[in-house]
């Protein structure tokens, strides 16, 4: 199972919030844009790609990232549970 998300945040903000999404899982950055998390059932690789900022007006521009997740080991249910926790950690209110 592979999952991809596009988020309106910068790389620094992603790195600060990632520990909440991983909930204490052992992880390490393989390089500046790739992180490996170790779960009880296998590994999750996250690769971050900076996208062109979303410009809403001359005064408002939002950074964007594409985050690709690849799973090694585990079941689809375990992968889906990981993604649900990840999504909640990066969820923002709107209105």
PDB file of N, CA and C in Angstrom:
ATOM      1  N   UNK A   1       0.853  -1.181   0.000  1.00  0.00           N
ATOM      2  CA  UNK A   1       0.000   0.000   0.000  1.00  0.00           C
ATOM      3  C   UNK A   1       0.892   1.234   0.000  1.00  0.00           C
ATOM      4  N   UNK A   2       0.596   2.153  -0.860  1.00  0.00           N
ATOM      5  CA  UNK A   2       1.303   3.431  -0.901  1.00  0.00           C
ATOM      6  C   UNK A   2       0.268   4.539  -0.740  1.00  0.00           C
ATOM      7  N   UNK A   3       0.625   5.572  -0.008  1.00  0.00           N
ATOM      8  CA  UNK A   3      -0.284   6.674   0.278  1.00  0.00           C
ATOM      9  C   UNK A   3       0.444   7.973   0.002  1.00  0.00           C
ATOM     10  N   UNK A   4      -0.275   8.938  -0.520  1.00  0.00           N
ATOM     11  CA  UNK A   4       0.307  10.248  -0.787  1.00  0.00           C
ATOM     12  C   UNK A   4      -0.606  11.322  -0.237  1.00  0.00           C
ATOM     13  N   UNK A   5      -0.015  12.330   0.343  1.00  0.00           N
ATOM     14  CA  UNK A   5      -0.744  13.482   0.857  1.00  0.00           C
ATOM     15  C   UNK A   5      -0.074  14.756   0.353  1.00  0.00           C
ATOM     16  N   UNK A   6      -0.884  15.794   0.125  1.00  0.00           N
ATOM     17  CA  UNK A   6      -0.366  17.126  -0.161  1.00  0.00           C
ATOM     18  C   UNK A   6      -0.814  17.993   1.002  1.00  0.00           C
ATOM     19  N   UNK A   7       0.130  18.703   1.609  1.00  0.00           N
ATOM     20  CA  UNK A   7      -0.154  19.502   2.796  1.00  0.00           C
ATOM     21  C   UNK A   7       0.336  20.932   2.599  1.00  0.00           C
ATOM     22  N   UNK A   8      -0.399  21.869   3.152  1.00  0.00           N
ATOM     23  CA  UNK A   8      -0.003  23.278   3.103  1.00  0.00           C
ATOM     24  C   UNK A   8       0.835  23.600   4.328  1.00  0.00           C
ATOM     25  N   UNK A   9       2.097  23.219   4.272  1.00  0.00           N
ATOM     26  CA  UNK A   9       3.051  23.533   5.324  1.00  0.00           C
ATOM     27  C   UNK A   9       4.450  23.429   4.765  1.00  0.00           C
ATOM     28  N   UNK A  10       5.368  24.065   5.444  1.00  0.00           N
ATOM     29  CA  UNK A  10       6.762  24.034   5.030  1.00  0.00           C
ATOM     30  C   UNK A  10       7.491  22.832   5.616  1.00  0.00           C
ATOM     31  N   UNK A  11       8.681  22.571   5.128  1.00  0.00           N
ATOM     32  CA  UNK A  11       9.463  21.420   5.576  1.00  0.00           C
ATOM     33  C   UNK A  11       9.788  21.504   7.071  1.00  0.00           C
ATOM     34  N   UNK A  12      10.140  22.682   7.572  1.00  0.00           N
ATOM     35  CA  UNK A  12      10.439  22.834   8.992  1.00  0.00           C
ATOM     36  C   UNK A  12       9.239  22.513   9.859  1.00  0.00           C
ATOM     37  N   UNK A  13       8.067  22.977   9.463  1.00  0.00           N
ATOM     38  CA  UNK A  13       6.847  22.696  10.213  1.00  0.00           C
ATOM     39  C   UNK A  13       6.531  21.196  10.165  1.00  0.00           C
ATOM     40  N   UNK A  14       6.729  20.578   9.016  1.00  0.00           N
ATOM     41  CA  UNK A  14       6.521  19.134   8.899  1.00  0.00           C
ATOM     42  C   UNK A  14       7.429  18.391   9.871  1.00  0.00           C
ATOM     43  N   UNK A  15       8.682  18.767   9.912  1.00  0.00           N
ATOM     44  CA  UNK A  15       9.635  18.088  10.806  1.00  0.00           C
ATOM     45  C   UNK A  15       9.257  18.269  12.280  1.00  0.00           C
ATOM     46  N   UNK A  16       8.724  19.435  12.638  1.00  0.00           N
ATOM     47  CA  UNK A  16       8.314  19.677  14.030  1.00  0.00           C
ATOM     48  C   UNK A  16       7.084  18.851  14.413  1.00  0.00           C
ATOM     49  N   UNK A  17       6.149  18.668  13.485  1.00  0.00           N
ATOM     50  CA  UNK A  17       4.916  17.946  13.778  1.00  0.00           C
ATOM     51  C   UNK A  17       5.041  16.431  13.614  1.00  0.00           C
ATOM     52  N   UNK A  18       6.029  15.972  12.892  1.00  0.00           N
ATOM     53  CA  UNK A  18       6.151  14.545  12.609  1.00  0.00           C
ATOM     54  C   UNK A  18       6.188  13.665  13.855  1.00  0.00           C
ATOM     55  N   UNK A  19       6.910  14.021  14.921  1.00  0.00           N
ATOM     56  CA  UNK A  19       6.901  13.155  16.113  1.00  0.00           C
ATOM     57  C   UNK A  19       5.497  12.904  16.669  1.00  0.00           C
ATOM     58  N   UNK A  20       4.594  13.892  16.563  1.00  0.00           N
ATOM     59  CA  UNK A  20       3.209  13.684  17.013  1.00  0.00           C
ATOM     60  C   UNK A  20       2.522  12.634  16.144  1.00  0.00           C
ATOM     61  N   UNK A  21       2.771  12.684  14.849  1.00  0.00           N
ATOM     62  CA  UNK A  21       2.166  11.717  13.931  1.00  0.00           C
ATOM     63  C   UNK A  21       2.727  10.320  14.151  1.00  0.00           C
ATOM     64  N   UNK A  22       3.989  10.238  14.546  1.00  0.00           N
ATOM     65  CA  UNK A  22       4.625   8.932  14.736  1.00  0.00           C
ATOM     66  C   UNK A  22       4.376   8.357  16.128  1.00  0.00           C
ATOM     67  N   UNK A  23       3.865   9.174  17.038  1.00  0.00           N
ATOM     68  CA  UNK A  23       3.491   8.723  18.389  1.00  0.00           C
ATOM     69  C   UNK A  23       4.564   7.881  19.069  1.00  0.00           C
ATOM     70  N   UNK A  24       5.773   8.406  19.083  1.00  0.00           N
ATOM     71  CA  UNK A  24       6.844   7.743  19.813  1.00  0.00           C
ATOM     72  C   UNK A  24       7.542   6.618  19.068  1.00  0.00           C
ATOM     73  N   UNK A  25       7.179   6.361  17.819  1.00  0.00           N
ATOM     74  CA  UNK A  25       7.871   5.318  17.060  1.00  0.00           C
ATOM     75  C   UNK A  25       9.319   5.721  16.822  1.00  0.00           C
ATOM     76  N   UNK A  26      10.202   4.743  16.868  1.00  0.00           N
ATOM     77  CA  UNK A  26      11.604   5.000  16.516  1.00  0.00           C
ATOM     78  C   UNK A  26      11.643   5.424  15.050  1.00  0.00           C
ATOM     79  N   UNK A  27      12.393   6.476  14.774  1.00  0.00           N
ATOM     80  CA  UNK A  27      12.511   6.938  13.386  1.00  0.00           C
ATOM     81  C   UNK A  27      13.846   7.652  13.207  1.00  0.00           C
ATOM     82  N   UNK A  28      14.274   7.716  11.960  1.00  0.00           N
ATOM     83  CA  UNK A  28      15.492   8.458  11.644  1.00  0.00           C
ATOM     84  C   UNK A  28      15.355   9.042  10.250  1.00  0.00           C
ATOM     85  N   UNK A  29      16.016  10.164  10.060  1.00  0.00           N
ATOM     86  CA  UNK A  29      16.027  10.817   8.755  1.00  0.00           C
ATOM     87  C   UNK A  29      17.150  10.190   7.936  1.00  0.00           C
ATOM     88  N   UNK A  30      16.810   9.567   6.822  1.00  0.00           N
ATOM     89  CA  UNK A  30      17.809   8.970   5.936  1.00  0.00           C
ATOM     90  C   UNK A  30      18.583  10.063   5.201  1.00  0.00           C
ATOM     91  N   UNK A  31      17.897  11.145   4.908  1.00  0.00           N
ATOM     92  CA  UNK A  31      18.493  12.343   4.331  1.00  0.00           C
ATOM     93  C   UNK A  31      17.549  13.494   4.662  1.00  0.00           C
ATOM     94  N   UNK A  32      17.750  14.642   4.069  1.00  0.00           N
ATOM     95  CA  UNK A  32      16.957  15.817   4.424  1.00  0.00           C
ATOM     96  C   UNK A  32      15.475  15.668   4.110  1.00  0.00           C
ATOM     97  N   UNK A  33      15.127  14.782   3.189  1.00  0.00           N
ATOM     98  CA  UNK A  33      13.740  14.664   2.751  1.00  0.00           C
ATOM     99  C   UNK A  33      13.124  13.274   2.928  1.00  0.00           C
ATOM    100  N   UNK A  34      13.834  12.346   3.532  1.00  0.00           N
ATOM    101  CA  UNK A  34      13.339  10.977   3.696  1.00  0.00           C
ATOM    102  C   UNK A  34      13.487  10.526   5.137  1.00  0.00           C
ATOM    103  N   UNK A  35      12.409   9.990   5.679  1.00  0.00           N
ATOM    104  CA  UNK A  35      12.428   9.500   7.057  1.00  0.00           C
ATOM    105  C   UNK A  35      11.898   8.070   7.075  1.00  0.00           C
ATOM    106  N   UNK A  36      12.498   7.253   7.919  1.00  0.00           N
ATOM    107  CA  UNK A  36      12.094   5.859   8.093  1.00  0.00           C
ATOM    108  C   UNK A  36      11.584   5.709   9.521  1.00  0.00           C
ATOM    109  N   UNK A  37      10.358   5.186   9.669  1.00  0.00           N
ATOM    110  CA  UNK A  37       9.792   4.908  10.991  1.00  0.00           C
ATOM    111  C   UNK A  37       9.662   3.402  11.146  1.00  0.00           C
ATOM    112  N   UNK A  38       9.999   2.914  12.325  1.00  0.00           N
ATOM    113  CA  UNK A  38       9.936   1.484  12.608  1.00  0.00           C
ATOM    114  C   UNK A  38       8.726   1.222  13.499  1.00  0.00           C
ATOM    115  N   UNK A  39       7.836   0.340  13.041  1.00  0.00           N
ATOM    116  CA  UNK A  39       6.640  -0.019  13.800  1.00  0.00           C
ATOM    117  C   UNK A  39       6.812  -1.434  14.333  1.00  0.00           C
ATOM    118  N   UNK A  40       5.830  -1.904  15.077  1.00  0.00           N
ATOM    119  CA  UNK A  40       5.884  -3.288  15.569  1.00  0.00           C
ATOM    120  C   UNK A  40       5.681  -4.292  14.442  1.00  0.00           C
ATOM    121  N   UNK A  41       5.145  -3.854  13.308  1.00  0.00           N
ATOM    122  CA  UNK A  41       4.854  -4.766  12.205  1.00  0.00           C
ATOM    123  C   UNK A  41       5.749  -4.553  10.980  1.00  0.00           C
ATOM    124  N   UNK A  42       6.573  -3.531  10.978  1.00  0.00           N
ATOM    125  CA  UNK A  42       7.441  -3.278   9.822  1.00  0.00           C
ATOM    126  C   UNK A  42       7.939  -1.851   9.790  1.00  0.00           C
ATOM    127  N   UNK A  43       8.139  -1.340   8.592  1.00  0.00           N
ATOM    128  CA  UNK A  43       8.669   0.013   8.417  1.00  0.00           C
ATOM    129  C   UNK A  43       7.758   0.841   7.536  1.00  0.00           C
ATOM    130  N   UNK A  44       7.828   2.155   7.760  1.00  0.00           N
ATOM    131  CA  UNK A  44       7.143   3.122   6.921  1.00  0.00           C
ATOM    132  C   UNK A  44       8.190   4.124   6.453  1.00  0.00           C
ATOM    133  N   UNK A  45       8.267   4.322   5.158  1.00  0.00           N
ATOM    134  CA  UNK A  45       9.167   5.323   4.585  1.00  0.00           C
ATOM    135  C   UNK A  45       8.323   6.519   4.160  1.00  0.00           C
ATOM    136  N   UNK A  46       8.744   7.703   4.566  1.00  0.00           N
ATOM    137  CA  UNK A  46       8.070   8.932   4.157  1.00  0.00           C
ATOM    138  C   UNK A  46       9.066   9.769   3.368  1.00  0.00           C
ATOM    139  N   UNK A  47       8.674  10.154   2.175  1.00  0.00           N
ATOM    140  CA  UNK A  47       9.521  10.994   1.333  1.00  0.00           C
ATOM    141  C   UNK A  47       8.780  12.307   1.104  1.00  0.00           C
ATOM    142  N   UNK A  48       9.442  13.405   1.398  1.00  0.00           N
ATOM    143  CA  UNK A  48       8.841  14.726   1.338  1.00  0.00           C
ATOM    144  C   UNK A  48       9.385  15.474   0.130  1.00  0.00           C
ATOM    145  N   UNK A  49       8.470  16.044  -0.639  1.00  0.00           N
ATOM    146  CA  UNK A  49       8.855  16.833  -1.823  1.00  0.00           C
ATOM    147  C   UNK A  49       8.220  18.212  -1.701  1.00  0.00           C
ATOM    148  N   UNK A  50       9.029  19.248  -1.808  1.00  0.00           N
ATOM    149  CA  UNK A  50       8.481  20.604  -1.775  1.00  0.00           C
ATOM    150  C   UNK A  50       7.857  20.914  -3.127  1.00  0.00           C
ATOM    151  N   UNK A  51       6.632  21.423  -3.085  1.00  0.00           N
ATOM    152  CA  UNK A  51       5.901  21.812  -4.285  1.00  0.00           C
ATOM    153  C   UNK A  51       5.891  23.327  -4.401  1.00  0.00           C
ATOM    154  N   UNK A  52       5.465  23.788  -5.550  1.00  0.00           N
ATOM    155  CA  UNK A  52       5.307  25.228  -5.745  1.00  0.00           C
ATOM    156  C   UNK A  52       4.258  25.743  -4.771  1.00  0.00           C
ATOM    157  N   UNK A  53       4.508  26.896  -4.181  1.00  0.00           N
ATOM    158  CA  UNK A  53       3.574  27.477  -3.214  1.00  0.00           C
ATOM    159  C   UNK A  53       2.230  27.755  -3.881  1.00  0.00           C
ATOM    160  N   UNK A  54       1.176  27.643  -3.096  1.00  0.00           N
ATOM    161  CA  UNK A  54      -0.165  27.969  -3.556  1.00  0.00           C
ATOM    162  C   UNK A  54      -0.384  29.449  -3.299  1.00  0.00           C
ATOM    163  N   UNK A  55      -0.523  30.221  -4.363  1.00  0.00           N
ATOM    164  CA  UNK A  55      -0.702  31.658  -4.241  1.00  0.00           C
ATOM    165  C   UNK A  55      -2.183  31.978  -4.348  1.00  0.00           C
ATOM    166  N   UNK A  56      -2.740  32.521  -3.277  1.00  0.00           N
ATOM    167  CA  UNK A  56      -4.160  32.852  -3.243  1.00  0.00           C
ATOM    168  C   UNK A  56      -4.414  34.306  -3.594  1.00  0.00           C
ATOM    169  N   UNK A  57      -3.435  35.152  -3.343  1.00  0.00           N
ATOM    170  CA  UNK A  57      -3.518  36.564  -3.703  1.00  0.00           C
ATOM    171  C   UNK A  57      -2.094  37.105  -3.705  1.00  0.00           C
ATOM    172  N   UNK A  58      -1.955  38.369  -4.017  1.00  0.00           N
ATOM    173  CA  UNK A  58      -0.629  38.967  -4.005  1.00  0.00           C
ATOM    174  C   UNK A  58       0.001  38.963  -2.617  1.00  0.00           C
ATOM    175  N   UNK A  59      -0.849  38.885  -1.586  1.00  0.00           N
ATOM    176  CA  UNK A  59      -0.344  38.950  -0.209  1.00  0.00           C
ATOM    177  C   UNK A  59      -0.335  37.599   0.501  1.00  0.00           C
ATOM    178  N   UNK A  60      -0.949  36.573  -0.094  1.00  0.00           N
ATOM    179  CA  UNK A  60      -1.061  35.291   0.595  1.00  0.00           C
ATOM    180  C   UNK A  60      -0.558  34.147  -0.273  1.00  0.00           C
ATOM    181  N   UNK A  61       0.484  33.497   0.217  1.00  0.00           N
ATOM    182  CA  UNK A  61       1.094  32.362  -0.466  1.00  0.00           C
ATOM    183  C   UNK A  61       1.339  31.267   0.568  1.00  0.00           C
ATOM    184  N   UNK A  62       0.888  30.057   0.277  1.00  0.00           N
ATOM    185  CA  UNK A  62       1.026  28.950   1.221  1.00  0.00           C
ATOM    186  C   UNK A  62       2.043  27.928   0.710  1.00  0.00           C
ATOM    187  N   UNK A  63       3.003  27.558   1.559  1.00  0.00           N
ATOM    188  CA  UNK A  63       3.946  26.508   1.146  1.00  0.00           C
ATOM    189  C   UNK A  63       3.192  25.183   1.016  1.00  0.00           C
ATOM    190  N   UNK A  64       3.710  24.296   0.185  1.00  0.00           N
ATOM    191  CA  UNK A  64       3.063  22.992   0.016  1.00  0.00           C
ATOM    192  C   UNK A  64       4.109  21.894  -0.055  1.00  0.00           C
ATOM    193  N   UNK A  65       3.743  20.747   0.491  1.00  0.00           N
ATOM    194  CA  UNK A  65       4.585  19.558   0.440  1.00  0.00           C
ATOM    195  C   UNK A  65       3.771  18.381  -0.070  1.00  0.00           C
ATOM    196  N   UNK A  66       4.419  17.517  -0.797  1.00  0.00           N
ATOM    197  CA  UNK A  66       3.855  16.210  -1.139  1.00  0.00           C
ATOM    198  C   UNK A  66       4.582  15.201  -0.256  1.00  0.00           C
ATOM    199  N   UNK A  67       3.817  14.394   0.477  1.00  0.00           N
ATOM    200  CA  UNK A  67       4.390  13.375   1.353  1.00  0.00           C
ATOM    201  C   UNK A  67       3.952  12.022   0.829  1.00  0.00           C
ATOM    202  N   UNK A  68       4.906  11.206   0.430  1.00  0.00           N
ATOM    203  CA  UNK A  68       4.625   9.855  -0.063  1.00  0.00           C
ATOM    204  C   UNK A  68       5.019   8.862   1.018  1.00  0.00           C
ATOM    205  N   UNK A  69       4.095   7.969   1.351  1.00  0.00           N
ATOM    206  CA  UNK A  69       4.342   6.938   2.360  1.00  0.00           C
ATOM    207  C   UNK A  69       4.365   5.578   1.682  1.00  0.00           C
ATOM    208  N   UNK A  70       5.380   4.793   1.995  1.00  0.00           N
ATOM    209  CA  UNK A  70       5.482   3.420   1.491  1.00  0.00           C
ATOM    210  C   UNK A  70       5.661   2.496   2.684  1.00  0.00           C
ATOM    211  N   UNK A  71       4.976   1.383   2.662  1.00  0.00           N
ATOM    212  CA  UNK A  71       4.962   0.459   3.792  1.00  0.00           C
ATOM    213  C   UNK A  71       5.706  -0.820   3.451  1.00  0.00           C
ATOM    214  N   UNK A  72       6.445  -1.314   4.431  1.00  0.00           N
ATOM    215  CA  UNK A  72       7.176  -2.576   4.312  1.00  0.00           C
ATOM    216  C   UNK A  72       6.736  -3.457   5.471  1.00  0.00           C
ATOM    217  N   UNK A  73       6.029  -4.528   5.174  1.00  0.00           N
ATOM    218  CA  UNK A  73       5.495  -5.404   6.213  1.00  0.00           C
ATOM    219  C   UNK A  73       4.132  -4.928   6.675  1.00  0.00           C
ATOM    220  N   UNK A  74       3.487  -5.741   7.475  1.00  0.00           N
ATOM    221  CA  UNK A  74       2.193  -5.383   8.019  1.00  0.00           C
ATOM    222  C   UNK A  74       1.053  -5.610   7.047  1.00  0.00           C
ATOM    223  N   UNK A  75      -0.155  -5.419   7.554  1.00  0.00           N
ATOM    224  CA  UNK A  75      -1.368  -5.626   6.761  1.00  0.00           C
ATOM    225  C   UNK A  75      -1.921  -4.285   6.291  1.00  0.00           C
ATOM    226  N   UNK A  76      -2.866  -4.346   5.373  1.00  0.00           N
ATOM    227  CA  UNK A  76      -3.504  -3.112   4.916  1.00  0.00           C
ATOM    228  C   UNK A  76      -4.237  -2.421   6.057  1.00  0.00           C
ATOM    229  N   UNK A  77      -4.796  -3.198   6.978  1.00  0.00           N
ATOM    230  CA  UNK A  77      -5.477  -2.603   8.137  1.00  0.00           C
ATOM    231  C   UNK A  77      -4.479  -1.851   9.016  1.00  0.00           C
ATOM    232  N   UNK A  78      -3.287  -2.399   9.209  1.00  0.00           N
ATOM    233  CA  UNK A  78      -2.253  -1.718   9.997  1.00  0.00           C
ATOM    234  C   UNK A  78      -1.773  -0.461   9.284  1.00  0.00           C
ATOM    235  N   UNK A  79      -1.647  -0.525   7.982  1.00  0.00           N
ATOM    236  CA  UNK A  79      -1.251   0.652   7.208  1.00  0.00           C
ATOM    237  C   UNK A  79      -2.315   1.739   7.337  1.00  0.00           C
ATOM    238  N   UNK A  80      -3.590   1.347   7.197  1.00  0.00           N
ATOM    239  CA  UNK A  80      -4.688   2.311   7.294  1.00  0.00           C
ATOM    240  C   UNK A  80      -4.734   2.946   8.687  1.00  0.00           C
ATOM    241  N   UNK A  81      -4.472   2.164   9.724  1.00  0.00           N
ATOM    242  CA  UNK A  81      -4.450   2.707  11.087  1.00  0.00           C
ATOM    243  C   UNK A  81      -3.325   3.723  11.245  1.00  0.00           C
ATOM    244  N   UNK A  82      -2.148   3.429  10.675  1.00  0.00           N
ATOM    245  CA  UNK A  82      -1.028   4.362  10.727  1.00  0.00           C
ATOM    246  C   UNK A  82      -1.407   5.673  10.032  1.00  0.00           C
ATOM    247  N   UNK A  83      -2.004   5.573   8.845  1.00  0.00           N
ATOM    248  CA  UNK A  83      -2.378   6.764   8.076  1.00  0.00           C
ATOM    249  C   UNK A  83      -3.427   7.575   8.830  1.00  0.00           C
ATOM    250  N   UNK A  84      -4.364   6.920   9.502  1.00  0.00           N
ATOM    251  CA  UNK A  84      -5.392   7.636  10.272  1.00  0.00           C
ATOM    252  C   UNK A  84      -4.755   8.461  11.387  1.00  0.00           C
ATOM    253  N   UNK A  85      -3.795   7.884  12.096  1.00  0.00           N
ATOM    254  CA  UNK A  85      -3.092   8.617  13.160  1.00  0.00           C
ATOM    255  C   UNK A  85      -2.291   9.769  12.554  1.00  0.00           C
ATOM    256  N   UNK A  86      -1.603   9.503  11.447  1.00  0.00           N
ATOM    257  CA  UNK A  86      -0.839  10.539  10.746  1.00  0.00           C
ATOM    258  C   UNK A  86      -1.756  11.703  10.357  1.00  0.00           C
ATOM    259  N   UNK A  87      -2.887  11.371   9.739  1.00  0.00           N
ATOM    260  CA  UNK A  87      -3.817  12.417   9.295  1.00  0.00           C
ATOM    261  C   UNK A  87      -4.326  13.257  10.462  1.00  0.00           C
ATOM    262  N   UNK A  88      -4.640  12.629  11.582  1.00  0.00           N
ATOM    263  CA  UNK A  88      -5.120  13.379  12.754  1.00  0.00           C
ATOM    264  C   UNK A  88      -4.031  14.318  13.290  1.00  0.00           C
ATOM    265  N   UNK A  89      -2.808  13.881  13.269  1.00  0.00           N
ATOM    266  CA  UNK A  89      -1.704  14.713  13.779  1.00  0.00           C
ATOM    267  C   UNK A  89      -1.490  15.961  12.936  1.00  0.00           C
ATOM    268  N   UNK A  90      -1.793  15.882  11.651  1.00  0.00           N
ATOM    269  CA  UNK A  90      -1.588  17.024  10.765  1.00  0.00           C
ATOM    270  C   UNK A  90      -2.883  17.755  10.431  1.00  0.00           C
ATOM    271  N   UNK A  91      -3.983  17.338  11.038  1.00  0.00           N
ATOM    272  CA  UNK A  91      -5.267  17.959  10.763  1.00  0.00           C
ATOM    273  C   UNK A  91      -5.311  19.362  11.334  1.00  0.00           C
ATOM    274  N   UNK A  92      -5.904  20.250  10.568  1.00  0.00           N
ATOM    275  CA  UNK A  92      -6.055  21.643  11.017  1.00  0.00           C
ATOM    276  C   UNK A  92      -7.520  22.033  10.913  1.00  0.00           C
ATOM    277  N   UNK A  93      -7.912  22.903  11.780  1.00  0.00           N
ATOM    278  CA  UNK A  93      -9.287  23.420  11.709  1.00  0.00           C
ATOM    279  C   UNK A  93      -9.386  24.465  10.611  1.00  0.00           C
ATOM    280  N   UNK A  94     -10.529  24.620  10.093  1.00  0.00           N
ATOM    281  CA  UNK A  94     -10.754  25.629   9.055  1.00  0.00           C
ATOM    282  C   UNK A  94     -12.056  26.350   9.339  1.00  0.00           C
ATOM    283  N   UNK A  95     -12.332  27.328   8.555  1.00  0.00           N
ATOM    284  CA  UNK A  95     -13.624  27.966   8.784  1.00  0.00           C
ATOM    285  C   UNK A  95     -13.689  29.349   8.257  1.00  0.00           C
TER     286      UNK A  95
END
